[in-house]
């Protein structure tokens, strides 16, 4: 299932949303919009069956297995200014949080690194715990925890 925009944000797809940003007159917005469109393509290739929902906040993309984001986003991704560069955040599971809403943040410098960090973030946030498709992708990318 391709990544879908949360129904709480209306009918516009994620692709339409980021295409509007990419078509902006502002050169910075254009770059960020293009980065996010590329990210969506890669996510759809990486996860053809995974239930993955996106919630936009400015040009950032929050990810969750829940279409209505009843709890929160588990992973947040934003495009950076360098080609292939992104910043990523993931919410720590409640059992590992030193305080409410604690998260880990990092930056990637290539699409390959972004996908690796994204998979780690999805695993570590525990938002998709027990999901067979994510588990298979983690094994494929040698990212399982023993």
Protein backbone atom coordinates (compact mmCIF):
# COMPACT_ATOMS: atom_id res chain seq x y z
CA UNK A 1 0.00 0.00 0.00
CA UNK A 2 1.61 3.29 -0.99
CA UNK A 3 2.06 5.80 1.80
CA UNK A 4 -1.16 7.73 2.27
CA UNK A 5 -1.96 11.08 3.79
CA UNK A 6 -3.93 10.96 7.01
CA UNK A 7 -7.64 11.53 6.38
CA UNK A 8 -7.60 14.19 9.12
CA UNK A 9 -5.86 16.47 6.59
CA UNK A 10 -8.42 16.30 3.80
CA UNK A 11 -8.33 14.83 0.33
CA UNK A 12 -5.07 16.24 -1.04
CA UNK A 13 -2.49 13.48 -1.43
CA UNK A 14 1.02 13.72 -0.06
CA UNK A 15 2.34 13.92 -3.60
CA UNK A 16 0.01 16.82 -4.41
CA UNK A 17 0.99 18.61 -1.20
CA UNK A 18 4.73 18.32 -1.82
CA UNK A 19 4.32 19.10 -5.53
CA UNK A 20 2.75 22.44 -4.52
CA UNK A 21 5.79 23.14 -2.36
CA UNK A 22 8.16 22.08 -5.17
CA UNK A 23 6.31 24.46 -7.55
CA UNK A 24 6.71 27.40 -5.17
CA UNK A 25 8.51 30.54 -6.33
CA UNK A 26 10.80 30.28 -3.32
CA UNK A 27 13.96 28.35 -4.29
CA UNK A 28 14.37 26.84 -0.80
CA UNK A 29 10.79 25.55 -0.84
CA UNK A 30 11.37 24.11 -4.31
CA UNK A 31 14.35 22.09 -3.08
CA UNK A 32 12.53 20.85 0.03
CA UNK A 33 9.45 19.90 -2.00
CA UNK A 34 11.60 17.97 -4.48
CA UNK A 35 13.39 16.17 -1.64
CA UNK A 36 10.11 15.13 -0.07
CA UNK A 37 8.69 13.90 -3.40
CA UNK A 38 11.81 11.74 -3.84
CA UNK A 39 11.36 10.42 -0.28
CA UNK A 40 7.77 9.40 -1.06
CA UNK A 41 8.93 7.49 -4.15
CA UNK A 42 11.52 5.60 -2.12
CA UNK A 43 9.05 4.85 0.70
CA UNK A 44 6.55 3.44 -1.78
CA UNK A 45 9.23 1.20 -3.28
CA UNK A 46 10.57 0.09 0.10
CA UNK A 47 7.14 -0.63 1.60
CA UNK A 48 4.70 -1.85 -1.07
CA UNK A 49 2.41 -3.47 1.55
CA UNK A 50 3.11 -1.70 4.85
CA UNK A 51 0.31 0.46 6.29
CA UNK A 52 2.13 3.76 6.41
CA UNK A 53 0.34 7.06 7.01
CA UNK A 54 1.70 10.56 6.67
CA UNK A 55 0.73 13.76 8.41
CA UNK A 56 2.24 16.98 7.10
CA UNK A 57 3.38 19.86 9.24
CA UNK A 58 4.85 22.62 7.11
CA UNK A 59 7.20 20.66 4.82
CA UNK A 60 7.83 17.92 7.39
CA UNK A 61 6.29 14.47 7.20
CA UNK A 62 5.17 12.61 10.31
CA UNK A 63 4.81 8.83 9.92
CA UNK A 64 2.49 6.49 11.80
CA UNK A 65 0.80 3.10 11.35
CA UNK A 66 -2.45 4.81 12.45
CA UNK A 67 -4.34 6.84 9.81
CA UNK A 68 -5.85 9.13 12.45
CA UNK A 69 -2.66 9.73 14.48
CA UNK A 70 -4.55 9.13 17.73
CA UNK A 71 -1.32 8.78 19.67
CA UNK A 72 1.25 10.82 17.72
CA UNK A 73 3.74 10.51 14.92
CA UNK A 74 6.45 7.95 15.56
CA UNK A 75 8.92 9.21 12.95
CA UNK A 76 9.30 12.73 11.54
CA UNK A 77 11.26 13.47 8.35
CA UNK A 78 12.19 16.75 6.70
CA UNK A 79 14.23 17.61 3.62
CA UNK A 80 17.52 19.43 4.11
CA UNK A 81 19.24 21.73 1.63
CA UNK A 82 21.96 19.36 0.41
CA UNK A 83 21.11 16.81 -2.30
CA UNK A 84 19.89 13.60 -0.67
CA UNK A 85 20.12 15.10 2.83
CA UNK A 86 17.30 14.82 5.35
CA UNK A 87 16.81 15.19 9.07
CA UNK A 88 14.92 12.53 10.97
CA UNK A 89 13.40 12.27 14.43
CA UNK A 90 11.80 9.37 16.21
CA UNK A 91 9.78 9.30 19.39
CA UNK A 92 11.27 7.16 22.12
CA UNK A 93 8.96 4.40 23.39
CA UNK A 94 7.31 5.23 26.72
CA UNK A 95 9.44 2.62 28.50
CA UNK A 96 12.67 4.38 27.44
CA UNK A 97 11.68 8.05 27.70
CA UNK A 98 13.46 10.15 30.32
CA UNK A 99 10.51 12.59 30.01
CA UNK A 100 7.23 12.90 28.10
CA UNK A 101 7.62 13.22 24.29
CA UNK A 102 11.42 12.62 24.32
CA UNK A 103 12.84 11.93 20.86
CA UNK A 104 16.08 11.24 19.00
CA UNK A 105 17.13 13.49 16.13
CA UNK A 106 19.76 13.05 13.43
CA UNK A 107 20.68 14.04 9.89
CA UNK A 108 21.52 11.98 6.85
CA UNK A 109 23.70 12.93 3.90
CA UNK A 110 22.39 10.60 1.17
CA UNK A 111 19.22 8.78 0.24
CA UNK A 112 20.83 5.46 1.17
CA UNK A 113 21.73 6.81 4.61
CA UNK A 114 18.24 8.33 4.95
CA UNK A 115 16.58 4.97 4.31
CA UNK A 116 18.87 3.25 6.80
CA UNK A 117 18.14 5.87 9.47
CA UNK A 118 14.43 5.75 8.69
CA UNK A 119 14.35 1.98 9.17
CA UNK A 120 16.24 2.31 12.43
CA UNK A 121 13.82 5.04 13.56
CA UNK A 122 10.80 2.87 12.73
CA UNK A 123 12.33 -0.03 14.64
CA UNK A 124 13.44 1.98 17.66
CA UNK A 125 10.21 3.97 18.01
CA UNK A 126 8.32 0.66 18.31
CA UNK A 127 5.45 2.22 16.37
CA UNK A 128 5.34 -0.76 14.01
CA UNK A 129 6.25 -3.42 16.59
CA UNK A 130 5.23 -6.86 15.38
CA UNK A 131 4.71 -5.73 11.76
CA UNK A 132 5.82 -8.58 9.50
CA UNK A 133 6.62 -6.41 6.48
CA UNK A 134 8.83 -4.02 8.47
CA UNK A 135 10.56 -7.01 10.09
CA UNK A 136 11.34 -8.45 6.64
CA UNK A 137 12.75 -5.13 5.39
CA UNK A 138 14.87 -4.82 8.55
CA UNK A 139 16.30 -8.31 7.93
CA UNK A 140 16.92 -7.49 4.27
CA UNK A 141 18.92 -4.40 5.34
CA UNK A 142 20.72 -6.21 8.22
CA UNK A 143 19.06 -3.99 10.83
CA UNK A 144 17.59 -6.56 13.19
CA UNK A 145 18.37 -6.44 16.88
CA UNK A 146 19.50 -9.66 18.50
